[in-house]
Amino acid sequence: MVDLLSGKMKSREGTVVDADDLIFELIQNVKETTENLDKFKSNKDALDYEDYKSIALGALKYYILKVDPKKYPF
């Protein structure tokens, strides 16, 4: 379900991704993308860390659930 550039995740081989690292990287990606779009220039519309985190976690949940929502009890 979650693919790495090197193939499948295998805990015995050490090819896993830590969830904290993944979420941090997603938050940074969301922040960078929104800043590049220049849609939130004014202070009134500015996003804070919690906004970036909400967007990143929503994207992660969507990515996981789009495979088969029946397998996950949310």
Protein backbone atom coordinates (compact mmCIF):
# COMPACT_ATOMS: atom_id res chain seq x y z
CA MET A 1 0.00 0.00 0.00
CA VAL A 2 2.79 2.43 0.83
CA ASP A 3 5.55 2.20 -1.74
CA LEU A 4 9.10 3.43 -1.34
CA LEU A 5 11.44 4.31 -4.16
CA SER A 6 13.39 1.16 -3.30
CA GLY A 7 10.30 -1.09 -3.27
CA LYS A 8 8.14 -2.53 -0.49
CA MET A 9 8.66 -1.68 3.16
CA LYS A 10 10.27 -4.53 5.09
CA SER A 11 10.84 -4.07 8.81
CA ARG A 12 13.32 -6.94 9.03
CA GLU A 13 15.49 -5.30 6.40
CA GLY A 14 15.09 -1.86 7.90
CA THR A 15 13.31 -0.34 4.91
CA VAL A 16 10.54 1.44 6.79
CA VAL A 17 9.41 5.03 7.10
CA ASP A 18 8.80 6.52 10.54
CA ALA A 19 5.33 8.08 10.76
CA ASP A 20 6.67 11.20 12.47
CA ASP A 21 9.18 11.76 9.67
CA LEU A 22 6.50 11.22 7.05
CA ILE A 23 4.11 13.70 8.67
CA PHE A 24 6.88 16.29 9.11
CA GLU A 25 7.83 15.97 5.45
CA LEU A 26 4.19 16.27 4.38
CA ILE A 27 3.78 19.45 6.44
CA GLN A 28 6.90 20.94 4.85
CA ASN A 29 5.62 19.98 1.40
CA VAL A 30 2.23 21.62 2.05
CA LYS A 31 3.90 24.79 3.34
CA GLU A 32 6.23 24.98 0.35
CA THR A 33 3.42 24.33 -2.14
CA THR A 34 1.10 26.97 -0.68
CA GLU A 35 3.91 29.53 -0.54
CA ASN A 36 4.75 28.85 -4.19
CA LEU A 37 1.11 29.38 -5.19
CA ASP A 38 1.12 32.86 -3.55
CA LYS A 39 -2.56 32.57 -2.62
CA PHE A 40 -2.05 33.55 1.02
CA LYS A 41 -0.02 36.76 0.75
CA SER A 42 -2.00 38.93 3.14
CA ASN A 43 -1.71 38.47 6.90
CA LYS A 44 -5.47 37.99 7.10
CA ASP A 45 -5.27 34.88 4.92
CA ALA A 46 -1.95 33.60 6.27
CA LEU A 47 -1.81 29.95 7.28
CA ASP A 48 -0.21 28.84 10.52
CA TYR A 49 1.40 25.54 11.50
CA GLU A 50 -1.92 23.97 12.56
CA ASP A 51 -3.43 24.75 9.14
CA TYR A 52 -0.49 23.13 7.36
CA LYS A 53 -0.72 20.13 9.70
CA SER A 54 -4.46 19.72 9.06
CA ILE A 55 -3.96 19.80 5.30
CA ALA A 56 -1.06 17.33 5.48
CA LEU A 57 -2.93 14.86 7.70
CA GLY A 58 -6.01 15.09 5.49
CA ALA A 59 -3.89 14.30 2.44
CA LEU A 60 -2.31 11.33 4.22
CA LYS A 61 -5.69 9.95 5.31
CA TYR A 62 -7.05 10.34 1.77
CA TYR A 63 -4.02 8.56 0.31
CA ILE A 64 -4.49 5.61 2.67
CA LEU A 65 -8.28 5.39 2.42
CA LYS A 66 -8.45 5.63 -1.38
CA VAL A 67 -7.00 2.11 -1.59
CA ASP A 68 -9.74 0.32 0.36
CA PRO A 69 -11.72 2.19 3.01
CA LYS A 70 -13.25 -1.04 4.34
CA LYS A 71 -9.98 -2.13 5.90
CA TYR A 72 -9.59 0.84 8.26
CA PRO A 73 -11.92 1.59 11.18
CA PHE A 74 -11.92 5.42 11.30
